[in-house]
PDB file of N, CA and C in Angstrom:
ATOM      1  N   UNK A   1       9.580   7.149  -4.833  1.00  0.00           N
ATOM      2  CA  UNK A   1       9.419   6.023  -3.941  1.00  0.00           C
ATOM      3  C   UNK A   1      10.756   5.371  -3.650  1.00  0.00           C
ATOM      4  N   UNK A   2      11.680   5.443  -4.582  1.00  0.00           N
ATOM      5  CA  UNK A   2      12.991   4.831  -4.365  1.00  0.00           C
ATOM      6  C   UNK A   2      13.687   5.444  -3.156  1.00  0.00           C
ATOM      7  N   UNK A   3      13.618   6.768  -3.064  1.00  0.00           N
ATOM      8  CA  UNK A   3      14.222   7.448  -1.912  1.00  0.00           C
ATOM      9  C   UNK A   3      13.547   7.008  -0.610  1.00  0.00           C
ATOM     10  N   UNK A   4      12.231   6.935  -0.626  1.00  0.00           N
ATOM     11  CA  UNK A   4      11.475   6.533   0.568  1.00  0.00           C
ATOM     12  C   UNK A   4      11.842   5.108   0.980  1.00  0.00           C
ATOM     13  N   UNK A   5      11.963   4.208  -0.002  1.00  0.00           N
ATOM     14  CA  UNK A   5      12.324   2.828   0.315  1.00  0.00           C
ATOM     15  C   UNK A   5      13.766   2.713   0.808  1.00  0.00           C
ATOM     16  N   UNK A   6      14.666   3.489   0.199  1.00  0.00           N
ATOM     17  CA  UNK A   6      16.081   3.390   0.573  1.00  0.00           C
ATOM     18  C   UNK A   6      16.362   3.986   1.953  1.00  0.00           C
ATOM     19  N   UNK A   7      15.880   5.190   2.205  1.00  0.00           N
ATOM     20  CA  UNK A   7      16.202   5.877   3.455  1.00  0.00           C
ATOM     21  C   UNK A   7      15.190   5.630   4.561  1.00  0.00           C
ATOM     22  N   UNK A   8      13.990   5.195   4.184  1.00  0.00           N
ATOM     23  CA  UNK A   8      12.948   4.818   5.133  1.00  0.00           C
ATOM     24  C   UNK A   8      12.667   5.925   6.155  1.00  0.00           C
ATOM     25  N   UNK A   9      12.539   7.134   5.642  1.00  0.00           N
ATOM     26  CA  UNK A   9      12.175   8.270   6.472  1.00  0.00           C
ATOM     27  C   UNK A   9      10.670   8.501   6.344  1.00  0.00           C
ATOM     28  N   UNK A  10       9.991   8.594   7.465  1.00  0.00           N
ATOM     29  CA  UNK A  10       8.546   8.703   7.472  1.00  0.00           C
ATOM     30  C   UNK A  10       8.041   9.876   6.633  1.00  0.00           C
ATOM     31  N   UNK A  11       8.685  11.015   6.713  1.00  0.00           N
ATOM     32  CA  UNK A  11       8.237  12.188   5.952  1.00  0.00           C
ATOM     33  C   UNK A  11       8.357  11.963   4.447  1.00  0.00           C
ATOM     34  N   UNK A  12       9.419  11.284   3.996  1.00  0.00           N
ATOM     35  CA  UNK A  12       9.561  10.958   2.579  1.00  0.00           C
ATOM     36  C   UNK A  12       8.415  10.057   2.122  1.00  0.00           C
ATOM     37  N   UNK A  13       8.102   9.067   2.944  1.00  0.00           N
ATOM     38  CA  UNK A  13       7.036   8.123   2.600  1.00  0.00           C
ATOM     39  C   UNK A  13       5.696   8.842   2.551  1.00  0.00           C
ATOM     40  N   UNK A  14       5.440   9.727   3.503  1.00  0.00           N
ATOM     41  CA  UNK A  14       4.178  10.471   3.514  1.00  0.00           C
ATOM     42  C   UNK A  14       4.030  11.322   2.257  1.00  0.00           C
ATOM     43  N   UNK A  15       5.094  12.014   1.853  1.00  0.00           N
ATOM     44  CA  UNK A  15       5.057  12.834   0.634  1.00  0.00           C
ATOM     45  C   UNK A  15       4.803  11.962  -0.592  1.00  0.00           C
ATOM     46  N   UNK A  16       5.464  10.831  -0.624  1.00  0.00           N
ATOM     47  CA  UNK A  16       5.295   9.899  -1.726  1.00  0.00           C
ATOM     48  C   UNK A  16       3.842   9.425  -1.815  1.00  0.00           C
ATOM     49  N   UNK A  17       3.257   9.086  -0.688  1.00  0.00           N
ATOM     50  CA  UNK A  17       1.868   8.617  -0.656  1.00  0.00           C
ATOM     51  C   UNK A  17       0.919   9.713  -1.148  1.00  0.00           C
ATOM     52  N   UNK A  18       1.129  10.940  -0.708  1.00  0.00           N
ATOM     53  CA  UNK A  18       0.284  12.049  -1.181  1.00  0.00           C
ATOM     54  C   UNK A  18       0.359  12.194  -2.704  1.00  0.00           C
ATOM     55  N   UNK A  19       1.565  12.144  -3.234  1.00  0.00           N
ATOM     56  CA  UNK A  19       1.765  12.280  -4.673  1.00  0.00           C
ATOM     57  C   UNK A  19       1.113  11.116  -5.418  1.00  0.00           C
ATOM     58  N   UNK A  20       1.292   9.904  -4.913  1.00  0.00           N
ATOM     59  CA  UNK A  20       0.722   8.734  -5.576  1.00  0.00           C
ATOM     60  C   UNK A  20      -0.806   8.729  -5.513  1.00  0.00           C
ATOM     61  N   UNK A  21      -1.373   9.190  -4.415  1.00  0.00           N
ATOM     62  CA  UNK A  21      -2.831   9.314  -4.328  1.00  0.00           C
ATOM     63  C   UNK A  21      -3.334  10.298  -5.383  1.00  0.00           C
ATOM     64  N   UNK A  22      -2.609  11.404  -5.532  1.00  0.00           N
ATOM     65  CA  UNK A  22      -2.967  12.394  -6.540  1.00  0.00           C
ATOM     66  C   UNK A  22      -2.905  11.771  -7.938  1.00  0.00           C
ATOM     67  N   UNK A  23      -1.801  11.087  -8.254  1.00  0.00           N
ATOM     68  CA  UNK A  23      -1.661  10.448  -9.560  1.00  0.00           C
ATOM     69  C   UNK A  23      -2.739   9.395  -9.790  1.00  0.00           C
ATOM     70  N   UNK A  24      -3.060   8.643  -8.751  1.00  0.00           N
ATOM     71  CA  UNK A  24      -4.093   7.622  -8.877  1.00  0.00           C
ATOM     72  C   UNK A  24      -5.427   8.263  -9.259  1.00  0.00           C
ATOM     73  N   UNK A  25      -5.746   9.390  -8.639  1.00  0.00           N
ATOM     74  CA  UNK A  25      -6.968  10.103  -8.991  1.00  0.00           C
ATOM     75  C   UNK A  25      -6.932  10.665 -10.401  1.00  0.00           C
ATOM     76  N   UNK A  26      -5.767  11.151 -10.825  1.00  0.00           N
ATOM     77  CA  UNK A  26      -5.620  11.730 -12.152  1.00  0.00           C
ATOM     78  C   UNK A  26      -5.674  10.683 -13.252  1.00  0.00           C
ATOM     79  N   UNK A  27      -5.128   9.493 -12.980  1.00  0.00           N
ATOM     80  CA  UNK A  27      -5.066   8.487 -14.048  1.00  0.00           C
ATOM     81  C   UNK A  27      -6.443   7.963 -14.414  1.00  0.00           C
ATOM     82  N   UNK A  28      -7.432   8.208 -13.576  1.00  0.00           N
ATOM     83  CA  UNK A  28      -8.808   7.829 -13.923  1.00  0.00           C
ATOM     84  C   UNK A  28      -9.366   8.770 -14.980  1.00  0.00           C
ATOM     85  N   UNK A  29      -8.839   9.990 -15.021  1.00  0.00           N
ATOM     86  CA  UNK A  29      -9.332  10.982 -15.965  1.00  0.00           C
ATOM     87  C   UNK A  29      -8.533  10.997 -17.265  1.00  0.00           C
ATOM     88  N   UNK A  30      -7.220  10.816 -17.185  1.00  0.00           N
ATOM     89  CA  UNK A  30      -6.384  10.800 -18.372  1.00  0.00           C
ATOM     90  C   UNK A  30      -5.210   9.849 -18.166  1.00  0.00           C
ATOM     91  N   UNK A  31      -4.750   9.232 -19.249  1.00  0.00           N
ATOM     92  CA  UNK A  31      -3.663   8.262 -19.101  1.00  0.00           C
ATOM     93  C   UNK A  31      -2.365   8.935 -18.651  1.00  0.00           C
ATOM     94  N   UNK A  32      -1.674   8.286 -17.738  1.00  0.00           N
ATOM     95  CA  UNK A  32      -0.393   8.775 -17.233  1.00  0.00           C
ATOM     96  C   UNK A  32       0.652   7.711 -17.512  1.00  0.00           C
ATOM     97  N   UNK A  33       1.746   8.125 -18.134  1.00  0.00           N
ATOM     98  CA  UNK A  33       2.826   7.189 -18.427  1.00  0.00           C
ATOM     99  C   UNK A  33       3.713   7.079 -17.194  1.00  0.00           C
ATOM    100  N   UNK A  34       3.664   5.938 -16.542  1.00  0.00           N
ATOM    101  CA  UNK A  34       4.404   5.696 -15.301  1.00  0.00           C
ATOM    102  C   UNK A  34       5.068   4.333 -15.463  1.00  0.00           C
ATOM    103  N   UNK A  35       6.333   4.174 -15.034  1.00  0.00           N
ATOM    104  CA  UNK A  35       7.036   2.907 -15.283  1.00  0.00           C
ATOM    105  C   UNK A  35       6.388   1.676 -14.643  1.00  0.00           C
ATOM    106  N   UNK A  36       5.726   1.846 -13.523  1.00  0.00           N
ATOM    107  CA  UNK A  36       5.014   0.742 -12.863  1.00  0.00           C
ATOM    108  C   UNK A  36       3.587   1.194 -12.615  1.00  0.00           C
ATOM    109  N   UNK A  37       2.654   0.252 -12.473  1.00  0.00           N
ATOM    110  CA  UNK A  37       1.272   0.655 -12.173  1.00  0.00           C
ATOM    111  C   UNK A  37       1.217   1.496 -10.895  1.00  0.00           C
ATOM    112  N   UNK A  38       0.539   2.623 -10.963  1.00  0.00           N
ATOM    113  CA  UNK A  38       0.483   3.564  -9.837  1.00  0.00           C
ATOM    114  C   UNK A  38      -0.099   2.911  -8.592  1.00  0.00           C
ATOM    115  N   UNK A  39      -1.162   2.126  -8.762  1.00  0.00           N
ATOM    116  CA  UNK A  39      -1.761   1.460  -7.593  1.00  0.00           C
ATOM    117  C   UNK A  39      -0.762   0.529  -6.917  1.00  0.00           C
ATOM    118  N   UNK A  40       0.064  -0.152  -7.719  1.00  0.00           N
ATOM    119  CA  UNK A  40       1.053  -1.069  -7.151  1.00  0.00           C
ATOM    120  C   UNK A  40       2.083  -0.306  -6.324  1.00  0.00           C
ATOM    121  N   UNK A  41       2.545   0.817  -6.840  1.00  0.00           N
ATOM    122  CA  UNK A  41       3.521   1.631  -6.109  1.00  0.00           C
ATOM    123  C   UNK A  41       2.880   2.212  -4.856  1.00  0.00           C
ATOM    124  N   UNK A  42       1.618   2.603  -4.959  1.00  0.00           N
ATOM    125  CA  UNK A  42       0.907   3.154  -3.809  1.00  0.00           C
ATOM    126  C   UNK A  42       0.747   2.110  -2.703  1.00  0.00           C
ATOM    127  N   UNK A  43       0.396   0.890  -3.066  1.00  0.00           N
ATOM    128  CA  UNK A  43       0.286  -0.183  -2.064  1.00  0.00           C
ATOM    129  C   UNK A  43       1.636  -0.406  -1.391  1.00  0.00           C
ATOM    130  N   UNK A  44       2.707  -0.408  -2.182  1.00  0.00           N
ATOM    131  CA  UNK A  44       4.055  -0.551  -1.612  1.00  0.00           C
ATOM    132  C   UNK A  44       4.358   0.576  -0.633  1.00  0.00           C
ATOM    133  N   UNK A  45       4.045   1.806  -1.032  1.00  0.00           N
ATOM    134  CA  UNK A  45       4.312   2.966  -0.168  1.00  0.00           C
ATOM    135  C   UNK A  45       3.521   2.880   1.131  1.00  0.00           C
ATOM    136  N   UNK A  46       2.260   2.482   1.036  1.00  0.00           N
ATOM    137  CA  UNK A  46       1.446   2.354   2.245  1.00  0.00           C
ATOM    138  C   UNK A  46       1.979   1.241   3.149  1.00  0.00           C
ATOM    139  N   UNK A  47       2.485   0.169   2.557  1.00  0.00           N
ATOM    140  CA  UNK A  47       3.081  -0.907   3.357  1.00  0.00           C
ATOM    141  C   UNK A  47       4.340  -0.411   4.076  1.00  0.00           C
ATOM    142  N   UNK A  48       5.165   0.363   3.375  1.00  0.00           N
ATOM    143  CA  UNK A  48       6.364   0.934   4.018  1.00  0.00           C
ATOM    144  C   UNK A  48       5.939   1.861   5.152  1.00  0.00           C
ATOM    145  N   UNK A  49       4.874   2.636   4.926  1.00  0.00           N
ATOM    146  CA  UNK A  49       4.358   3.525   5.980  1.00  0.00           C
ATOM    147  C   UNK A  49       4.002   2.725   7.227  1.00  0.00           C
ATOM    148  N   UNK A  50       3.362   1.589   7.025  1.00  0.00           N
ATOM    149  CA  UNK A  50       2.986   0.731   8.147  1.00  0.00           C
ATOM    150  C   UNK A  50       4.206   0.140   8.828  1.00  0.00           C
ATOM    151  N   UNK A  51       5.212  -0.222   8.048  1.00  0.00           N
ATOM    152  CA  UNK A  51       6.435  -0.786   8.630  1.00  0.00           C
ATOM    153  C   UNK A  51       7.137   0.233   9.513  1.00  0.00           C
ATOM    154  N   UNK A  52       7.066   1.499   9.121  1.00  0.00           N
ATOM    155  CA  UNK A  52       7.748   2.545   9.873  1.00  0.00           C
ATOM    156  C   UNK A  52       7.024   2.920  11.153  1.00  0.00           C
ATOM    157  N   UNK A  53       5.779   2.542  11.275  1.00  0.00           N
ATOM    158  CA  UNK A  53       5.041   2.816  12.498  1.00  0.00           C
ATOM    159  C   UNK A  53       3.569   2.945  12.243  1.00  0.00           C
ATOM    160  N   UNK A  54       2.782   2.145  12.924  1.00  0.00           N
ATOM    161  CA  UNK A  54       1.345   2.164  12.679  1.00  0.00           C
ATOM    162  C   UNK A  54       0.607   3.321  13.328  1.00  0.00           C
ATOM    163  N   UNK A  55       1.249   4.030  14.242  1.00  0.00           N
ATOM    164  CA  UNK A  55       0.546   5.090  14.958  1.00  0.00           C
ATOM    165  C   UNK A  55      -0.009   6.112  13.968  1.00  0.00           C
ATOM    166  N   UNK A  56      -1.298   6.345  14.061  1.00  0.00           N
ATOM    167  CA  UNK A  56      -1.941   7.307  13.177  1.00  0.00           C
ATOM    168  C   UNK A  56      -2.217   6.768  11.787  1.00  0.00           C
ATOM    169  N   UNK A  57      -1.949   5.491  11.551  1.00  0.00           N
ATOM    170  CA  UNK A  57      -2.144   4.928  10.221  1.00  0.00           C
ATOM    171  C   UNK A  57      -3.237   3.869  10.198  1.00  0.00           C
ATOM    172  N   UNK A  58      -4.111   3.875  11.196  1.00  0.00           N
ATOM    173  CA  UNK A  58      -5.166   2.868  11.279  1.00  0.00           C
ATOM    174  C   UNK A  58      -6.033   2.817  10.037  1.00  0.00           C
ATOM    175  N   UNK A  59      -6.347   3.981   9.518  1.00  0.00           N
ATOM    176  CA  UNK A  59      -7.130   4.038   8.284  1.00  0.00           C
ATOM    177  C   UNK A  59      -6.304   3.518   7.116  1.00  0.00           C
ATOM    178  N   UNK A  60      -4.994   3.657   7.193  1.00  0.00           N
ATOM    179  CA  UNK A  60      -4.098   3.276   6.102  1.00  0.00           C
ATOM    180  C   UNK A  60      -4.173   1.820   5.729  1.00  0.00           C
ATOM    181  N   UNK A  61      -4.301   0.943   6.703  1.00  0.00           N
ATOM    182  CA  UNK A  61      -4.336  -0.476   6.375  1.00  0.00           C
ATOM    183  C   UNK A  61      -5.638  -0.838   5.682  1.00  0.00           C
ATOM    184  N   UNK A  62      -6.733  -0.190   6.050  1.00  0.00           N
ATOM    185  CA  UNK A  62      -8.009  -0.403   5.362  1.00  0.00           C
ATOM    186  C   UNK A  62      -7.922   0.118   3.924  1.00  0.00           C
ATOM    187  N   UNK A  63      -7.335   1.295   3.776  1.00  0.00           N
ATOM    188  CA  UNK A  63      -7.164   1.871   2.442  1.00  0.00           C
ATOM    189  C   UNK A  63      -6.272   0.968   1.591  1.00  0.00           C
ATOM    190  N   UNK A  64      -5.227   0.426   2.180  1.00  0.00           N
ATOM    191  CA  UNK A  64      -4.329  -0.463   1.458  1.00  0.00           C
ATOM    192  C   UNK A  64      -5.072  -1.719   1.018  1.00  0.00           C
ATOM    193  N   UNK A  65      -5.926  -2.243   1.872  1.00  0.00           N
ATOM    194  CA  UNK A  65      -6.739  -3.409   1.498  1.00  0.00           C
ATOM    195  C   UNK A  65      -7.626  -3.067   0.302  1.00  0.00           C
ATOM    196  N   UNK A  66      -8.207  -1.859   0.287  1.00  0.00           N
ATOM    197  CA  UNK A  66      -9.022  -1.437  -0.856  1.00  0.00           C
ATOM    198  C   UNK A  66      -8.199  -1.410  -2.144  1.00  0.00           C
ATOM    199  N   UNK A  67      -6.994  -0.851  -2.069  1.00  0.00           N
ATOM    200  CA  UNK A  67      -6.135  -0.794  -3.249  1.00  0.00           C
ATOM    201  C   UNK A  67      -5.717  -2.199  -3.690  1.00  0.00           C
ATOM    202  N   UNK A  68      -5.498  -3.097  -2.746  1.00  0.00           N
ATOM    203  CA  UNK A  68      -5.164  -4.482  -3.099  1.00  0.00           C
ATOM    204  C   UNK A  68      -6.317  -5.124  -3.859  1.00  0.00           C
ATOM    205  N   UNK A  69      -7.539  -4.873  -3.408  1.00  0.00           N
ATOM    206  CA  UNK A  69      -8.701  -5.408  -4.130  1.00  0.00           C
ATOM    207  C   UNK A  69      -8.777  -4.826  -5.540  1.00  0.00           C
ATOM    208  N   UNK A  70      -8.500  -3.524  -5.669  1.00  0.00           N
ATOM    209  CA  UNK A  70      -8.479  -2.899  -6.994  1.00  0.00           C
ATOM    210  C   UNK A  70      -7.419  -3.547  -7.873  1.00  0.00           C
ATOM    211  N   UNK A  71      -6.239  -3.775  -7.303  1.00  0.00           N
ATOM    212  CA  UNK A  71      -5.161  -4.408  -8.060  1.00  0.00           C
ATOM    213  C   UNK A  71      -5.561  -5.804  -8.528  1.00  0.00           C
ATOM    214  N   UNK A  72      -6.145  -6.573  -7.618  1.00  0.00           N
ATOM    215  CA  UNK A  72      -6.538  -7.937  -7.957  1.00  0.00           C
ATOM    216  C   UNK A  72      -7.625  -7.963  -9.027  1.00  0.00           C
ATOM    217  N   UNK A  73      -8.471  -6.941  -9.070  1.00  0.00           N
ATOM    218  CA  UNK A  73      -9.534  -6.864 -10.067  1.00  0.00           C
ATOM    219  C   UNK A  73      -9.085  -6.222 -11.375  1.00  0.00           C
ATOM    220  N   UNK A  74      -7.857  -5.716 -11.422  1.00  0.00           N
ATOM    221  CA  UNK A  74      -7.370  -5.015 -12.611  1.00  0.00           C
ATOM    222  C   UNK A  74      -6.744  -5.999 -13.596  1.00  0.00           C
ATOM    223  N   UNK A  75      -6.291  -5.462 -14.714  1.00  0.00           N
ATOM    224  CA  UNK A  75      -5.639  -6.289 -15.723  1.00  0.00           C
ATOM    225  C   UNK A  75      -4.110  -6.204 -15.626  1.00  0.00           C
ATOM    226  N   UNK A  76      -3.610  -5.851 -14.456  1.00  0.00           N
ATOM    227  CA  UNK A  76      -2.171  -5.733 -14.226  1.00  0.00           C
ATOM    228  C   UNK A  76      -1.548  -7.125 -14.237  1.00  0.00           C
ATOM    229  N   UNK A  77      -0.362  -7.235 -14.830  1.00  0.00           N
ATOM    230  CA  UNK A  77       0.314  -8.526 -14.929  1.00  0.00           C
ATOM    231  C   UNK A  77       0.687  -9.069 -13.552  1.00  0.00           C
ATOM    232  N   UNK A  78       0.844 -10.381 -13.479  1.00  0.00           N
ATOM    233  CA  UNK A  78       1.234 -11.043 -12.231  1.00  0.00           C
ATOM    234  C   UNK A  78       2.582 -10.510 -11.742  1.00  0.00           C
ATOM    235  N   UNK A  79       3.493 -10.235 -12.663  1.00  0.00           N
ATOM    236  CA  UNK A  79       4.818  -9.717 -12.288  1.00  0.00           C
ATOM    237  C   UNK A  79       4.713  -8.371 -11.569  1.00  0.00           C
ATOM    238  N   UNK A  80       3.773  -7.546 -11.995  1.00  0.00           N
ATOM    239  CA  UNK A  80       3.579  -6.243 -11.358  1.00  0.00           C
ATOM    240  C   UNK A  80       2.701  -6.342 -10.123  1.00  0.00           C
ATOM    241  N   UNK A  81       1.879  -7.365 -10.068  1.00  0.00           N
ATOM    242  CA  UNK A  81       0.917  -7.534  -8.979  1.00  0.00           C
ATOM    243  C   UNK A  81       1.545  -8.141  -7.720  1.00  0.00           C
ATOM    244  N   UNK A  82       2.432  -9.087  -7.910  1.00  0.00           N
ATOM    245  CA  UNK A  82       2.976  -9.845  -6.774  1.00  0.00           C
ATOM    246  C   UNK A  82       3.718  -8.992  -5.741  1.00  0.00           C
ATOM    247  N   UNK A  83       4.668  -8.124  -6.118  1.00  0.00           N
ATOM    248  CA  UNK A  83       5.421  -7.388  -5.085  1.00  0.00           C
ATOM    249  C   UNK A  83       4.572  -6.542  -4.137  1.00  0.00           C
ATOM    250  N   UNK A  84       3.613  -5.735  -4.629  1.00  0.00           N
ATOM    251  CA  UNK A  84       2.837  -4.951  -3.669  1.00  0.00           C
ATOM    252  C   UNK A  84       1.943  -5.811  -2.780  1.00  0.00           C
ATOM    253  N   UNK A  85       1.358  -6.857  -3.341  1.00  0.00           N
ATOM    254  CA  UNK A  85       0.498  -7.729  -2.544  1.00  0.00           C
ATOM    255  C   UNK A  85       1.322  -8.425  -1.466  1.00  0.00           C
ATOM    256  N   UNK A  86       2.502  -8.926  -1.837  1.00  0.00           N
ATOM    257  CA  UNK A  86       3.363  -9.588  -0.855  1.00  0.00           C
ATOM    258  C   UNK A  86       3.841  -8.612   0.216  1.00  0.00           C
ATOM    259  N   UNK A  87       4.087  -7.381  -0.180  1.00  0.00           N
ATOM    260  CA  UNK A  87       4.484  -6.351   0.782  1.00  0.00           C
ATOM    261  C   UNK A  87       3.368  -6.116   1.793  1.00  0.00           C
ATOM    262  N   UNK A  88       2.142  -6.018   1.317  1.00  0.00           N
ATOM    263  CA  UNK A  88       0.989  -5.825   2.196  1.00  0.00           C
ATOM    264  C   UNK A  88       0.781  -7.035   3.098  1.00  0.00           C
ATOM    265  N   UNK A  89       0.911  -8.226   2.544  1.00  0.00           N
ATOM    266  CA  UNK A  89       0.764  -9.449   3.340  1.00  0.00           C
ATOM    267  C   UNK A  89       1.800  -9.474   4.461  1.00  0.00           C
ATOM    268  N   UNK A  90       3.030  -9.054   4.161  1.00  0.00           N
ATOM    269  CA  UNK A  90       4.077  -9.009   5.181  1.00  0.00           C
ATOM    270  C   UNK A  90       3.723  -8.076   6.328  1.00  0.00           C
ATOM    271  N   UNK A  91       3.169  -6.930   5.999  1.00  0.00           N
ATOM    272  CA  UNK A  91       2.771  -5.968   7.027  1.00  0.00           C
ATOM    273  C   UNK A  91       1.631  -6.528   7.872  1.00  0.00           C
ATOM    274  N   UNK A  92       0.636  -7.110   7.225  1.00  0.00           N
ATOM    275  CA  UNK A  92      -0.493  -7.673   7.964  1.00  0.00           C
ATOM    276  C   UNK A  92      -0.007  -8.811   8.858  1.00  0.00           C
ATOM    277  N   UNK A  93       0.877  -9.644   8.336  1.00  0.00           N
ATOM    278  CA  UNK A  93       1.417 -10.746   9.132  1.00  0.00           C
ATOM    279  C   UNK A  93       2.153 -10.223  10.363  1.00  0.00           C
ATOM    280  N   UNK A  94       2.976  -9.193  10.169  1.00  0.00           N
ATOM    281  CA  UNK A  94       3.705  -8.611  11.304  1.00  0.00           C
ATOM    282  C   UNK A  94       2.738  -8.038  12.335  1.00  0.00           C
ATOM    283  N   UNK A  95       1.677  -7.393  11.868  1.00  0.00           N
ATOM    284  CA  UNK A  95       0.696  -6.822  12.789  1.00  0.00           C
ATOM    285  C   UNK A  95      -0.101  -7.906  13.501  1.00  0.00           C
ATOM    286  N   UNK A  96      -0.399  -9.005  12.799  1.00  0.00           N
ATOM    287  CA  UNK A  96      -1.102 -10.112  13.446  1.00  0.00           C
ATOM    288  C   UNK A  96      -0.254 -10.708  14.559  1.00  0.00           C
ATOM    289  N   UNK A  97       1.033 -10.824  14.308  1.00  0.00           N
ATOM    290  CA  UNK A  97       1.927 -11.358  15.332  1.00  0.00           C
ATOM    291  C   UNK A  97       2.013 -10.423  16.527  1.00  0.00           C
ATOM    292  N   UNK A  98       1.830  -9.137  16.271  1.00  0.00           N
ATOM    293  CA  UNK A  98       1.818  -8.158  17.361  1.00  0.00           C
ATOM    294  C   UNK A  98       0.396  -7.939  17.861  1.00  0.00           C
ATOM    295  N   UNK A  99      -0.540  -8.784  17.414  1.00  0.00           N
ATOM    296  CA  UNK A  99      -1.956  -8.746  17.806  1.00  0.00           C
ATOM    297  C   UNK A  99      -2.639  -7.427  17.485  1.00  0.00           C
ATOM    298  N   UNK A 100      -2.166  -6.733  16.448  1.00  0.00           N
ATOM    299  CA  UNK A 100      -2.771  -5.464  16.061  1.00  0.00           C
ATOM    300  C   UNK A 100      -3.006  -4.589  17.285  1.00  0.00           C
ATOM    301  N   UNK A 101      -2.046  -4.618  18.199  1.00  0.00           N
ATOM    302  CA  UNK A 101      -2.118  -3.836  19.432  1.00  0.00           C
ATOM    303  C   UNK A 101      -3.423  -4.119  20.166  1.00  0.00           C
ATOM    304  N   UNK A 102      -3.779  -5.396  20.275  1.00  0.00           N
ATOM    305  CA  UNK A 102      -4.973  -5.790  20.997  1.00  0.00           C
ATOM    306  C   UNK A 102      -6.218  -5.889  20.135  1.00  0.00           C
ATOM    307  N   UNK A 103      -6.119  -5.492  18.859  1.00  0.00           N
ATOM    308  CA  UNK A 103      -7.260  -5.537  17.959  1.00  0.00           C
ATOM    309  C   UNK A 103      -6.951  -6.516  16.830  1.00  0.00           C
ATOM    310  N   UNK A 104      -7.988  -7.077  16.271  1.00  0.00           N
ATOM    311  CA  UNK A 104      -7.820  -7.955  15.120  1.00  0.00           C
ATOM    312  C   UNK A 104      -8.169  -7.182  13.864  1.00  0.00           C
ATOM    313  N   UNK A 105      -7.549  -7.538  12.731  1.00  0.00           N
ATOM    314  CA  UNK A 105      -7.839  -6.803  11.495  1.00  0.00           C
ATOM    315  C   UNK A 105      -9.272  -7.026  11.035  1.00  0.00           C
ATOM    316  N   UNK A 106      -9.739  -6.110  10.230  1.00  0.00           N
ATOM    317  CA  UNK A 106     -11.100  -6.214   9.705  1.00  0.00           C
ATOM    318  C   UNK A 106     -11.195  -7.355   8.698  1.00  0.00           C
ATOM    319  N   UNK A 107     -12.405  -7.723   8.380  1.00  0.00           N
ATOM    320  CA  UNK A 107     -12.655  -8.763   7.380  1.00  0.00           C
ATOM    321  C   UNK A 107     -12.080  -8.346   6.024  1.00  0.00           C
ATOM    322  N   UNK A 108     -12.163  -7.056   5.710  1.00  0.00           N
ATOM    323  CA  UNK A 108     -11.630  -6.550   4.449  1.00  0.00           C
ATOM    324  C   UNK A 108     -10.132  -6.802   4.348  1.00  0.00           C
ATOM    325  N   UNK A 109      -9.406  -6.545   5.426  1.00  0.00           N
ATOM    326  CA  UNK A 109      -7.957  -6.762   5.446  1.00  0.00           C
ATOM    327  C   UNK A 109      -7.646  -8.245   5.328  1.00  0.00           C
ATOM    328  N   UNK A 110      -8.386  -9.070   6.021  1.00  0.00           N
ATOM    329  CA  UNK A 110      -8.144 -10.506   5.975  1.00  0.00           C
ATOM    330  C   UNK A 110      -8.402 -11.047   4.574  1.00  0.00           C
ATOM    331  N   UNK A 111      -9.468 -10.570   3.907  1.00  0.00           N
ATOM    332  CA  UNK A 111      -9.766 -11.027   2.542  1.00  0.00           C
ATOM    333  C   UNK A 111      -8.687 -10.589   1.560  1.00  0.00           C
ATOM    334  N   UNK A 112      -8.101  -9.402   1.767  1.00  0.00           N
ATOM    335  CA  UNK A 112      -7.083  -8.892   0.852  1.00  0.00           C
ATOM    336  C   UNK A 112      -5.785  -9.661   0.973  1.00  0.00           C
ATOM    337  N   UNK A 113      -5.570 -10.289   2.099  1.00  0.00           N
ATOM    338  CA  UNK A 113      -4.327 -11.028   2.270  1.00  0.00           C
ATOM    339  C   UNK A 113      -4.577 -12.468   1.968  1.00  0.00           C
TER     340      UNK A 113
END
């Protein structure tokens, strides 16, 4: 994710998201030692994906809202919780200012922010 955040290349972010989705699915079955909560990193990656361009990512913001709800319901510390949630809020705010390209966000997205 560090490379994706630093260089902000869409393909890097997409690969990162695929890997994090895989890890998220695996951590439900067996514990994975990861320096930060996987869901938190995944929310960050999805927010970066949205920042780089919403085209084709309409489902992504709904999925990100779902992960935010999971994060809020988890036992993750506030220190680990705040950055991904704030990242998502920033993306939603930017999209609201751009009127979601003529559409308003779903109730799920609004509740997550």
